[in-house]
Amino acid sequence: MSFGVEPADLRVFATTLQQAYSDADAAKAYVHAHGSFSFHETGIIGVLSGAHSEWVGKLDEMLNHLQALTDSSSRALNEIATQYEASDEDSAARVDATYPVALRPSVNRD
């Protein structure tokens, strides 16, 4: 069994998480644009308006939390990808250093 990490794949997933952050931002904008009632708009559902405002507030909290998670996870994955790239380069250099120097044949262009 072996373990391998492709830094490029980590970066792709980090980009996916950034898209989720943007999607949550769009959802918040939609909720704020269409989920608020003025006093006159509440009409007969005015009794439920208080509960609705509470639900909108909770949804906003949840979306803020989702944005915090996706943003921090995306940044962390990019940092990890950078660390794996550096580690791979260091490992390759150490392995290369164990090989004997290869003599290059001289080129004779007669």
PDB file of N, CA and C in Angstrom:
ATOM      1  N   MET A   1       0.855  -1.169   0.000  1.00  0.00           N
ATOM      2  CA  MET A   1       0.000   0.000   0.000  1.00  0.00           C
ATOM      3  C   MET A   1       0.903   1.235   0.000  1.00  0.00           C
ATOM      4  N   SER A   2       0.509   2.225  -0.748  1.00  0.00           N
ATOM      5  CA  SER A   2       1.288   3.462  -0.776  1.00  0.00           C
ATOM      6  C   SER A   2       0.344   4.654  -0.662  1.00  0.00           C
ATOM      7  N   PHE A   3       0.947   5.759  -0.377  1.00  0.00           N
ATOM      8  CA  PHE A   3       0.187   6.995  -0.202  1.00  0.00           C
ATOM      9  C   PHE A   3       0.762   8.031  -1.143  1.00  0.00           C
ATOM     10  N   GLY A   4      -0.087   8.672  -1.882  1.00  0.00           N
ATOM     11  CA  GLY A   4       0.372   9.718  -2.783  1.00  0.00           C
ATOM     12  C   GLY A   4      -0.603  10.878  -2.803  1.00  0.00           C
ATOM     13  N   VAL A   5      -0.070  12.051  -2.993  1.00  0.00           N
ATOM     14  CA  VAL A   5      -0.890  13.258  -3.048  1.00  0.00           C
ATOM     15  C   VAL A   5      -0.521  14.020  -4.313  1.00  0.00           C
ATOM     16  N   GLU A   6      -1.528  14.425  -5.032  1.00  0.00           N
ATOM     17  CA  GLU A   6      -1.321  15.263  -6.210  1.00  0.00           C
ATOM     18  C   GLU A   6      -1.662  16.700  -5.825  1.00  0.00           C
ATOM     19  N   PRO A   7      -0.648  17.563  -5.682  1.00  0.00           N
ATOM     20  CA  PRO A   7      -0.922  18.947  -5.292  1.00  0.00           C
ATOM     21  C   PRO A   7      -1.917  19.648  -6.218  1.00  0.00           C
ATOM     22  N   ALA A   8      -1.872  19.334  -7.500  1.00  0.00           N
ATOM     23  CA  ALA A   8      -2.812  19.974  -8.442  1.00  0.00           C
ATOM     24  C   ALA A   8      -4.256  19.609  -8.096  1.00  0.00           C
ATOM     25  N   ASP A   9      -4.475  18.363  -7.661  1.00  0.00           N
ATOM     26  CA  ASP A   9      -5.829  17.949  -7.276  1.00  0.00           C
ATOM     27  C   ASP A   9      -6.295  18.685  -6.022  1.00  0.00           C
ATOM     28  N   LEU A  10      -5.367  18.923  -5.095  1.00  0.00           N
ATOM     29  CA  LEU A  10      -5.717  19.707  -3.905  1.00  0.00           C
ATOM     30  C   LEU A  10      -6.139  21.115  -4.308  1.00  0.00           C
ATOM     31  N   ARG A  11      -5.422  21.678  -5.259  1.00  0.00           N
ATOM     32  CA  ARG A  11      -5.751  23.036  -5.717  1.00  0.00           C
ATOM     33  C   ARG A  11      -7.109  23.070  -6.436  1.00  0.00           C
ATOM     34  N   VAL A  12      -7.427  22.012  -7.176  1.00  0.00           N
ATOM     35  CA  VAL A  12      -8.735  21.941  -7.845  1.00  0.00           C
ATOM     36  C   VAL A  12      -9.848  21.914  -6.799  1.00  0.00           C
ATOM     37  N   PHE A  13      -9.665  21.110  -5.749  1.00  0.00           N
ATOM     38  CA  PHE A  13     -10.697  21.046  -4.714  1.00  0.00           C
ATOM     39  C   PHE A  13     -10.779  22.371  -3.955  1.00  0.00           C
ATOM     40  N   ALA A  14      -9.634  23.035  -3.746  1.00  0.00           N
ATOM     41  CA  ALA A  14      -9.640  24.347  -3.093  1.00  0.00           C
ATOM     42  C   ALA A  14     -10.459  25.341  -3.918  1.00  0.00           C
ATOM     43  N   THR A  15     -10.335  25.267  -5.236  1.00  0.00           N
ATOM     44  CA  THR A  15     -11.119  26.135  -6.117  1.00  0.00           C
ATOM     45  C   THR A  15     -12.609  25.807  -6.012  1.00  0.00           C
ATOM     46  N   THR A  16     -12.929  24.525  -5.880  1.00  0.00           N
ATOM     47  CA  THR A  16     -14.323  24.112  -5.700  1.00  0.00           C
ATOM     48  C   THR A  16     -14.891  24.688  -4.407  1.00  0.00           C
ATOM     49  N   LEU A  17     -14.085  24.690  -3.357  1.00  0.00           N
ATOM     50  CA  LEU A  17     -14.529  25.266  -2.083  1.00  0.00           C
ATOM     51  C   LEU A  17     -14.729  26.779  -2.203  1.00  0.00           C
ATOM     52  N   GLN A  18     -13.879  27.444  -2.970  1.00  0.00           N
ATOM     53  CA  GLN A  18     -14.057  28.887  -3.180  1.00  0.00           C
ATOM     54  C   GLN A  18     -15.353  29.154  -3.941  1.00  0.00           C
ATOM     55  N   GLN A  19     -15.705  28.253  -4.861  1.00  0.00           N
ATOM     56  CA  GLN A  19     -16.978  28.401  -5.575  1.00  0.00           C
ATOM     57  C   GLN A  19     -18.144  28.228  -4.607  1.00  0.00           C
ATOM     58  N   ALA A  20     -18.006  27.291  -3.665  1.00  0.00           N
ATOM     59  CA  ALA A  20     -19.056  27.103  -2.651  1.00  0.00           C
ATOM     60  C   ALA A  20     -19.195  28.359  -1.795  1.00  0.00           C
ATOM     61  N   TYR A  21     -18.077  29.017  -1.506  1.00  0.00           N
ATOM     62  CA  TYR A  21     -18.102  30.287  -0.768  1.00  0.00           C
ATOM     63  C   TYR A  21     -18.920  31.317  -1.551  1.00  0.00           C
ATOM     64  N   SER A  22     -18.650  31.411  -2.848  1.00  0.00           N
ATOM     65  CA  SER A  22     -19.381  32.362  -3.698  1.00  0.00           C
ATOM     66  C   SER A  22     -20.861  32.001  -3.792  1.00  0.00           C
ATOM     67  N   ASP A  23     -21.145  30.703  -3.850  1.00  0.00           N
ATOM     68  CA  ASP A  23     -22.539  30.260  -3.896  1.00  0.00           C
ATOM     69  C   ASP A  23     -23.276  30.644  -2.613  1.00  0.00           C
ATOM     70  N   ALA A  24     -22.612  30.496  -1.478  1.00  0.00           N
ATOM     71  CA  ALA A  24     -23.227  30.881  -0.199  1.00  0.00           C
ATOM     72  C   ALA A  24     -23.467  32.386  -0.169  1.00  0.00           C
ATOM     73  N   ASP A  25     -22.550  33.145  -0.744  1.00  0.00           N
ATOM     74  CA  ASP A  25     -22.720  34.599  -0.812  1.00  0.00           C
ATOM     75  C   ASP A  25     -23.934  34.949  -1.676  1.00  0.00           C
ATOM     76  N   ALA A  26     -24.087  34.248  -2.795  1.00  0.00           N
ATOM     77  CA  ALA A  26     -25.249  34.478  -3.666  1.00  0.00           C
ATOM     78  C   ALA A  26     -26.544  34.084  -2.953  1.00  0.00           C
ATOM     79  N   ALA A  27     -26.500  33.006  -2.180  1.00  0.00           N
ATOM     80  CA  ALA A  27     -27.686  32.580  -1.425  1.00  0.00           C
ATOM     81  C   ALA A  27     -28.070  33.629  -0.388  1.00  0.00           C
ATOM     82  N   LYS A  28     -27.063  34.197   0.283  1.00  0.00           N
ATOM     83  CA  LYS A  28     -27.341  35.258   1.262  1.00  0.00           C
ATOM     84  C   LYS A  28     -27.974  36.463   0.582  1.00  0.00           C
ATOM     85  N   ALA A  29     -27.443  36.845  -0.566  1.00  0.00           N
ATOM     86  CA  ALA A  29     -27.997  37.993  -1.290  1.00  0.00           C
ATOM     87  C   ALA A  29     -29.445  37.720  -1.686  1.00  0.00           C
ATOM     88  N   TYR A  30     -29.727  36.500  -2.128  1.00  0.00           N
ATOM     89  CA  TYR A  30     -31.091  36.139  -2.512  1.00  0.00           C
ATOM     90  C   TYR A  30     -32.028  36.204  -1.307  1.00  0.00           C
ATOM     91  N   VAL A  31     -31.593  35.637  -0.188  1.00  0.00           N
ATOM     92  CA  VAL A  31     -32.425  35.631   1.024  1.00  0.00           C
ATOM     93  C   VAL A  31     -32.707  37.053   1.483  1.00  0.00           C
ATOM     94  N   HIS A  32     -31.691  37.912   1.436  1.00  0.00           N
ATOM     95  CA  HIS A  32     -31.887  39.295   1.879  1.00  0.00           C
ATOM     96  C   HIS A  32     -32.784  40.073   0.908  1.00  0.00           C
ATOM     97  N   ALA A  33     -32.673  39.751  -0.380  1.00  0.00           N
ATOM     98  CA  ALA A  33     -33.492  40.462  -1.367  1.00  0.00           C
ATOM     99  C   ALA A  33     -34.948  39.995  -1.362  1.00  0.00           C
ATOM    100  N   HIS A  34     -35.171  38.708  -1.118  1.00  0.00           N
ATOM    101  CA  HIS A  34     -36.521  38.163  -1.255  1.00  0.00           C
ATOM    102  C   HIS A  34     -37.112  37.615   0.041  1.00  0.00           C
ATOM    103  N   GLY A  35     -36.358  37.641   1.106  1.00  0.00           N
ATOM    104  CA  GLY A  35     -36.845  37.039   2.341  1.00  0.00           C
ATOM    105  C   GLY A  35     -37.265  38.025   3.401  1.00  0.00           C
ATOM    106  N   SER A  36     -37.195  39.292   3.090  1.00  0.00           N
ATOM    107  CA  SER A  36     -37.571  40.313   4.069  1.00  0.00           C
ATOM    108  C   SER A  36     -38.938  40.888   3.715  1.00  0.00           C
ATOM    109  N   PHE A  37     -39.754  41.089   4.737  1.00  0.00           N
ATOM    110  CA  PHE A  37     -41.077  41.681   4.547  1.00  0.00           C
ATOM    111  C   PHE A  37     -41.124  43.031   5.242  1.00  0.00           C
ATOM    112  N   SER A  38     -41.667  44.013   4.544  1.00  0.00           N
ATOM    113  CA  SER A  38     -41.925  45.280   5.221  1.00  0.00           C
ATOM    114  C   SER A  38     -43.204  45.117   6.037  1.00  0.00           C
ATOM    115  N   PHE A  39     -43.501  46.086   6.867  1.00  0.00           N
ATOM    116  CA  PHE A  39     -44.704  46.031   7.697  1.00  0.00           C
ATOM    117  C   PHE A  39     -45.948  45.872   6.831  1.00  0.00           C
ATOM    118  N   HIS A  40     -45.989  46.576   5.709  1.00  0.00           N
ATOM    119  CA  HIS A  40     -47.172  46.550   4.842  1.00  0.00           C
ATOM    120  C   HIS A  40     -47.261  45.275   4.008  1.00  0.00           C
ATOM    121  N   GLU A  41     -46.130  44.629   3.760  1.00  0.00           N
ATOM    122  CA  GLU A  41     -46.137  43.414   2.952  1.00  0.00           C
ATOM    123  C   GLU A  41     -46.580  42.185   3.748  1.00  0.00           C
ATOM    124  N   THR A  42     -46.494  42.249   5.051  1.00  0.00           N
ATOM    125  CA  THR A  42     -46.798  41.061   5.849  1.00  0.00           C
ATOM    126  C   THR A  42     -48.257  40.669   5.768  1.00  0.00           C
ATOM    127  N   GLY A  43     -49.155  41.641   5.728  1.00  0.00           N
ATOM    128  CA  GLY A  43     -50.581  41.349   5.603  1.00  0.00           C
ATOM    129  C   GLY A  43     -51.048  40.319   6.613  1.00  0.00           C
ATOM    130  N   ILE A  44     -51.763  39.330   6.122  1.00  0.00           N
ATOM    131  CA  ILE A  44     -52.358  38.331   7.006  1.00  0.00           C
ATOM    132  C   ILE A  44     -51.313  37.433   7.663  1.00  0.00           C
ATOM    133  N   ILE A  45     -50.140  37.328   7.058  1.00  0.00           N
ATOM    134  CA  ILE A  45     -49.116  36.493   7.687  1.00  0.00           C
ATOM    135  C   ILE A  45     -48.247  37.292   8.656  1.00  0.00           C
ATOM    136  N   GLY A  46     -48.728  38.471   9.003  1.00  0.00           N
ATOM    137  CA  GLY A  46     -47.993  39.302   9.949  1.00  0.00           C
ATOM    138  C   GLY A  46     -47.695  38.596  11.256  1.00  0.00           C
ATOM    139  N   VAL A  47     -48.577  37.703  11.657  1.00  0.00           N
ATOM    140  CA  VAL A  47     -48.370  36.950  12.894  1.00  0.00           C
ATOM    141  C   VAL A  47     -47.131  36.069  12.772  1.00  0.00           C
ATOM    142  N   LEU A  48     -46.896  35.535  11.590  1.00  0.00           N
ATOM    143  CA  LEU A  48     -45.746  34.659  11.368  1.00  0.00           C
ATOM    144  C   LEU A  48     -44.471  35.430  11.050  1.00  0.00           C
ATOM    145  N   SER A  49     -44.597  36.710  10.833  1.00  0.00           N
ATOM    146  CA  SER A  49     -43.461  37.518  10.417  1.00  0.00           C
ATOM    147  C   SER A  49     -42.306  37.447  11.404  1.00  0.00           C
ATOM    148  N   GLY A  50     -42.610  37.415  12.680  1.00  0.00           N
ATOM    149  CA  GLY A  50     -41.545  37.327  13.685  1.00  0.00           C
ATOM    150  C   GLY A  50     -40.761  36.038  13.553  1.00  0.00           C
ATOM    151  N   ALA A  51     -41.471  34.931  13.400  1.00  0.00           N
ATOM    152  CA  ALA A  51     -40.799  33.641  13.232  1.00  0.00           C
ATOM    153  C   ALA A  51     -40.010  33.618  11.925  1.00  0.00           C
ATOM    154  N   HIS A  52     -40.577  34.213  10.888  1.00  0.00           N
ATOM    155  CA  HIS A  52     -39.893  34.251   9.599  1.00  0.00           C
ATOM    156  C   HIS A  52     -38.580  35.020   9.722  1.00  0.00           C
ATOM    157  N   SER A  53     -38.608  36.150  10.393  1.00  0.00           N
ATOM    158  CA  SER A  53     -37.388  36.943  10.584  1.00  0.00           C
ATOM    159  C   SER A  53     -36.342  36.146  11.347  1.00  0.00           C
ATOM    160  N   GLU A  54     -36.804  35.375  12.322  1.00  0.00           N
ATOM    161  CA  GLU A  54     -35.876  34.536  13.090  1.00  0.00           C
ATOM    162  C   GLU A  54     -35.248  33.472  12.184  1.00  0.00           C
ATOM    163  N   TRP A  55     -36.065  32.866  11.325  1.00  0.00           N
ATOM    164  CA  TRP A  55     -35.547  31.845  10.409  1.00  0.00           C
ATOM    165  C   TRP A  55     -34.548  32.443   9.418  1.00  0.00           C
ATOM    166  N   VAL A  56     -34.850  33.629   8.928  1.00  0.00           N
ATOM    167  CA  VAL A  56     -33.927  34.305   8.014  1.00  0.00           C
ATOM    168  C   VAL A  56     -32.611  34.593   8.735  1.00  0.00           C
ATOM    169  N   GLY A  57     -32.693  35.007   9.983  1.00  0.00           N
ATOM    170  CA  GLY A  57     -31.482  35.256  10.767  1.00  0.00           C
ATOM    171  C   GLY A  57     -30.656  33.996  10.965  1.00  0.00           C
ATOM    172  N   LYS A  58     -31.326  32.892  11.255  1.00  0.00           N
ATOM    173  CA  LYS A  58     -30.621  31.614  11.438  1.00  0.00           C
ATOM    174  C   LYS A  58     -29.995  31.144  10.124  1.00  0.00           C
ATOM    175  N   LEU A  59     -30.717  31.332   9.028  1.00  0.00           N
ATOM    176  CA  LEU A  59     -30.178  30.971   7.720  1.00  0.00           C
ATOM    177  C   LEU A  59     -28.941  31.810   7.410  1.00  0.00           C
ATOM    178  N   ASP A  60     -28.995  33.081   7.732  1.00  0.00           N
ATOM    179  CA  ASP A  60     -27.854  33.967   7.533  1.00  0.00           C
ATOM    180  C   ASP A  60     -26.656  33.497   8.362  1.00  0.00           C
ATOM    181  N   GLU A  61     -26.901  33.114   9.610  1.00  0.00           N
ATOM    182  CA  GLU A  61     -25.828  32.577  10.466  1.00  0.00           C
ATOM    183  C   GLU A  61     -25.211  31.332   9.845  1.00  0.00           C
ATOM    184  N   MET A  62     -26.068  30.433   9.375  1.00  0.00           N
ATOM    185  CA  MET A  62     -25.588  29.192   8.779  1.00  0.00           C
ATOM    186  C   MET A  62     -24.745  29.469   7.534  1.00  0.00           C
ATOM    187  N   LEU A  63     -25.196  30.382   6.687  1.00  0.00           N
ATOM    188  CA  LEU A  63     -24.445  30.709   5.479  1.00  0.00           C
ATOM    189  C   LEU A  63     -23.124  31.394   5.814  1.00  0.00           C
ATOM    190  N   ASN A  64     -23.108  32.232   6.851  1.00  0.00           N
ATOM    191  CA  ASN A  64     -21.847  32.839   7.296  1.00  0.00           C
ATOM    192  C   ASN A  64     -20.873  31.763   7.764  1.00  0.00           C
ATOM    193  N   HIS A  65     -21.394  30.782   8.502  1.00  0.00           N
ATOM    194  CA  HIS A  65     -20.556  29.686   8.988  1.00  0.00           C
ATOM    195  C   HIS A  65     -20.020  28.866   7.811  1.00  0.00           C
ATOM    196  N   LEU A  66     -20.883  28.594   6.836  1.00  0.00           N
ATOM    197  CA  LEU A  66     -20.457  27.865   5.643  1.00  0.00           C
ATOM    198  C   LEU A  66     -19.357  28.627   4.914  1.00  0.00           C
ATOM    199  N   GLN A  67     -19.502  29.936   4.807  1.00  0.00           N
ATOM    200  CA  GLN A  67     -18.472  30.737   4.146  1.00  0.00           C
ATOM    201  C   GLN A  67     -17.158  30.689   4.914  1.00  0.00           C
ATOM    202  N   ALA A  68     -17.225  30.763   6.226  1.00  0.00           N
ATOM    203  CA  ALA A  68     -16.000  30.697   7.030  1.00  0.00           C
ATOM    204  C   ALA A  68     -15.301  29.351   6.829  1.00  0.00           C
ATOM    205  N   LEU A  69     -16.077  28.272   6.821  1.00  0.00           N
ATOM    206  CA  LEU A  69     -15.494  26.938   6.638  1.00  0.00           C
ATOM    207  C   LEU A  69     -14.890  26.763   5.253  1.00  0.00           C
ATOM    208  N   THR A  70     -15.619  27.155   4.223  1.00  0.00           N
ATOM    209  CA  THR A  70     -15.114  26.955   2.866  1.00  0.00           C
ATOM    210  C   THR A  70     -13.907  27.839   2.582  1.00  0.00           C
ATOM    211  N   ASP A  71     -13.906  29.059   3.102  1.00  0.00           N
ATOM    212  CA  ASP A  71     -12.772  29.958   2.877  1.00  0.00           C
ATOM    213  C   ASP A  71     -11.520  29.447   3.581  1.00  0.00           C
ATOM    214  N   SER A  72     -11.645  29.093   4.856  1.00  0.00           N
ATOM    215  CA  SER A  72     -10.466  28.624   5.593  1.00  0.00           C
ATOM    216  C   SER A  72      -9.971  27.287   5.045  1.00  0.00           C
ATOM    217  N   SER A  73     -10.878  26.416   4.645  1.00  0.00           N
ATOM    218  CA  SER A  73     -10.474  25.121   4.086  1.00  0.00           C
ATOM    219  C   SER A  73      -9.778  25.298   2.739  1.00  0.00           C
ATOM    220  N   SER A  74     -10.271  26.201   1.927  1.00  0.00           N
ATOM    221  CA  SER A  74      -9.649  26.466   0.634  1.00  0.00           C
ATOM    222  C   SER A  74      -8.225  26.993   0.808  1.00  0.00           C
ATOM    223  N   ARG A  75      -8.070  27.951   1.713  1.00  0.00           N
ATOM    224  CA  ARG A  75      -6.727  28.491   1.962  1.00  0.00           C
ATOM    225  C   ARG A  75      -5.792  27.408   2.500  1.00  0.00           C
ATOM    226  N   ALA A  76      -6.292  26.573   3.406  1.00  0.00           N
ATOM    227  CA  ALA A  76      -5.470  25.509   3.988  1.00  0.00           C
ATOM    228  C   ALA A  76      -5.051  24.494   2.918  1.00  0.00           C
ATOM    229  N   LEU A  77      -5.960  24.130   2.028  1.00  0.00           N
ATOM    230  CA  LEU A  77      -5.614  23.176   0.970  1.00  0.00           C
ATOM    231  C   LEU A  77      -4.555  23.737   0.030  1.00  0.00           C
ATOM    232  N   ASN A  78      -4.632  25.019  -0.282  1.00  0.00           N
ATOM    233  CA  ASN A  78      -3.595  25.629  -1.117  1.00  0.00           C
ATOM    234  C   ASN A  78      -2.244  25.632  -0.410  1.00  0.00           C
ATOM    235  N   GLU A  79      -2.238  25.895   0.890  1.00  0.00           N
ATOM    236  CA  GLU A  79      -0.988  25.854   1.656  1.00  0.00           C
ATOM    237  C   GLU A  79      -0.422  24.439   1.694  1.00  0.00           C
ATOM    238  N   ILE A  80      -1.282  23.455   1.889  1.00  0.00           N
ATOM    239  CA  ILE A  80      -0.839  22.061   1.924  1.00  0.00           C
ATOM    240  C   ILE A  80      -0.276  21.648   0.565  1.00  0.00           C
ATOM    241  N   ALA A  81      -0.920  22.073  -0.517  1.00  0.00           N
ATOM    242  CA  ALA A  81      -0.422  21.758  -1.860  1.00  0.00           C
ATOM    243  C   ALA A  81       0.981  22.327  -2.047  1.00  0.00           C
ATOM    244  N   THR A  82       1.196  23.544  -1.582  1.00  0.00           N
ATOM    245  CA  THR A  82       2.524  24.161  -1.674  1.00  0.00           C
ATOM    246  C   THR A  82       3.544  23.360  -0.875  1.00  0.00           C
ATOM    247  N   GLN A  83       3.163  22.904   0.316  1.00  0.00           N
ATOM    248  CA  GLN A  83       4.074  22.107   1.143  1.00  0.00           C
ATOM    249  C   GLN A  83       4.409  20.776   0.470  1.00  0.00           C
ATOM    250  N   TYR A  84       3.416  20.128  -0.131  1.00  0.00           N
ATOM    251  CA  TYR A  84       3.682  18.868  -0.834  1.00  0.00           C
ATOM    252  C   TYR A  84       4.599  19.093  -2.030  1.00  0.00           C
ATOM    253  N   GLU A  85       4.401  20.185  -2.754  1.00  0.00           N
ATOM    254  CA  GLU A  85       5.271  20.477  -3.895  1.00  0.00           C
ATOM    255  C   GLU A  85       6.708  20.661  -3.439  1.00  0.00           C
ATOM    256  N   ALA A  86       6.898  21.411  -2.359  1.00  0.00           N
ATOM    257  CA  ALA A  86       8.250  21.636  -1.837  1.00  0.00           C
ATOM    258  C   ALA A  86       8.851  20.326  -1.339  1.00  0.00           C
ATOM    259  N   SER A  87       8.052  19.517  -0.667  1.00  0.00           N
ATOM    260  CA  SER A  87       8.523  18.230  -0.150  1.00  0.00           C
ATOM    261  C   SER A  87       8.932  17.306  -1.293  1.00  0.00           C
ATOM    262  N   ASP A  88       8.132  17.275  -2.356  1.00  0.00           N
ATOM    263  CA  ASP A  88       8.452  16.435  -3.510  1.00  0.00           C
ATOM    264  C   ASP A  88       9.748  16.879  -4.170  1.00  0.00           C
ATOM    265  N   GLU A  89       9.957  18.178  -4.285  1.00  0.00           N
ATOM    266  CA  GLU A  89      11.191  18.691  -4.884  1.00  0.00           C
ATOM    267  C   GLU A  89      12.394  18.343  -4.016  1.00  0.00           C
ATOM    268  N   ASP A  90      12.255  18.469  -2.696  1.00  0.00           N
ATOM    269  CA  ASP A  90      13.347  18.124  -1.782  1.00  0.00           C
ATOM    270  C   ASP A  90      13.672  16.638  -1.865  1.00  0.00           C
ATOM    271  N   SER A  91      12.640  15.805  -1.896  1.00  0.00           N
ATOM    272  CA  SER A  91      12.847  14.351  -1.986  1.00  0.00           C
ATOM    273  C   SER A  91      13.544  13.990  -3.294  1.00  0.00           C
ATOM    274  N   ALA A  92      13.110  14.586  -4.375  1.00  0.00           N
ATOM    275  CA  ALA A  92      13.723  14.310  -5.678  1.00  0.00           C
ATOM    276  C   ALA A  92      15.186  14.734  -5.684  1.00  0.00           C
ATOM    277  N   ALA A  93      15.496  15.861  -5.083  1.00  0.00           N
ATOM    278  CA  ALA A  93      16.885  16.332  -5.028  1.00  0.00           C
ATOM    279  C   ALA A  93      17.745  15.377  -4.205  1.00  0.00           C
ATOM    280  N   ARG A  94      17.206  14.859  -3.094  1.00  0.00           N
ATOM    281  CA  ARG A  94      17.967  13.915  -2.259  1.00  0.00           C
ATOM    282  C   ARG A  94      18.225  12.609  -3.014  1.00  0.00           C
ATOM    283  N   VAL A  95      17.225  12.129  -3.729  1.00  0.00           N
ATOM    284  CA  VAL A  95      17.405  10.898  -4.508  1.00  0.00           C
ATOM    285  C   VAL A  95      18.420  11.135  -5.617  1.00  0.00           C
ATOM    286  N   ASP A  96      18.309  12.242  -6.321  1.00  0.00           N
ATOM    287  CA  ASP A  96      19.252  12.553  -7.398  1.00  0.00           C
ATOM    288  C   ASP A  96      20.680  12.637  -6.876  1.00  0.00           C
ATOM    289  N   ALA A  97      20.852  13.135  -5.671  1.00  0.00           N
ATOM    290  CA  ALA A  97      22.193  13.283  -5.099  1.00  0.00           C
ATOM    291  C   ALA A  97      22.834  11.929  -4.801  1.00  0.00           C
ATOM    292  N   THR A  98      22.063  10.864  -4.697  1.00  0.00           N
ATOM    293  CA  THR A  98      22.627   9.537  -4.408  1.00  0.00           C
ATOM    294  C   THR A  98      23.159   8.853  -5.660  1.00  0.00           C
ATOM    295  N   TYR A  99      22.799   9.326  -6.836  1.00  0.00           N
ATOM    296  CA  TYR A  99      23.260   8.705  -8.080  1.00  0.00           C
ATOM    297  C   TYR A  99      24.652   9.222  -8.426  1.00  0.00           C
ATOM    298  N   PRO A 100      25.471   8.359  -9.027  1.00  0.00           N
ATOM    299  CA  PRO A 100      26.797   8.832  -9.445  1.00  0.00           C
ATOM    300  C   PRO A 100      26.658   9.824 -10.606  1.00  0.00           C
ATOM    301  N   VAL A 101      27.655  10.649 -10.707  1.00  0.00           N
ATOM    302  CA  VAL A 101      27.652  11.644 -11.775  1.00  0.00           C
ATOM    303  C   VAL A 101      27.774  10.920 -13.111  1.00  0.00           C
ATOM    304  N   ALA A 102      26.955  11.275 -14.036  1.00  0.00           N
ATOM    305  CA  ALA A 102      27.008  10.668 -15.373  1.00  0.00           C
ATOM    306  C   ALA A 102      27.944  11.492 -16.240  1.00  0.00           C
ATOM    307  N   LEU A 103      28.942  10.807 -16.789  1.00  0.00           N
ATOM    308  CA  LEU A 103      29.885  11.500 -17.664  1.00  0.00           C
ATOM    309  C   LEU A 103      29.237  11.694 -19.029  1.00  0.00           C
ATOM    310  N   ARG A 104      29.377  12.844 -19.549  1.00  0.00           N
ATOM    311  CA  ARG A 104      28.815  13.155 -20.861  1.00  0.00           C
ATOM    312  C   ARG A 104      29.874  12.866 -21.927  1.00  0.00           C
ATOM    313  N   PRO A 105      29.488  12.152 -22.944  1.00  0.00           N
ATOM    314  CA  PRO A 105      30.469  11.909 -24.013  1.00  0.00           C
ATOM    315  C   PRO A 105      30.761  13.214 -24.753  1.00  0.00           C
ATOM    316  N   SER A 106      31.992  13.344 -25.165  1.00  0.00           N
ATOM    317  CA  SER A 106      32.341  14.556 -25.907  1.00  0.00           C
ATOM    318  C   SER A 106      31.770  14.441 -27.318  1.00  0.00           C
ATOM    319  N   VAL A 107      31.398  15.543 -27.842  1.00  0.00           N
ATOM    320  CA  VAL A 107      30.808  15.579 -29.174  1.00  0.00           C
ATOM    321  C   VAL A 107      31.915  15.892 -30.167  1.00  0.00           C
ATOM    322  N   ASN A 108      32.071  15.027 -31.131  1.00  0.00           N
ATOM    323  CA  ASN A 108      33.086  15.222 -32.156  1.00  0.00           C
ATOM    324  C   ASN A 108      32.361  15.443 -33.470  1.00  0.00           C
ATOM    325  N   ARG A 109      32.531  16.596 -34.037  1.00  0.00           N
ATOM    326  CA  ARG A 109      31.810  16.932 -35.271  1.00  0.00           C
ATOM    327  C   ARG A 109      32.789  17.000 -36.449  1.00  0.00           C
ATOM    328  N   ASP A 110      33.418  15.909 -36.742  1.00  0.00           N
ATOM    329  CA  ASP A 110      34.365  15.882 -37.870  1.00  0.00           C
ATOM    330  C   ASP A 110      33.692  15.787 -39.181  1.00  0.00           C
TER     331      ASP A 110
END
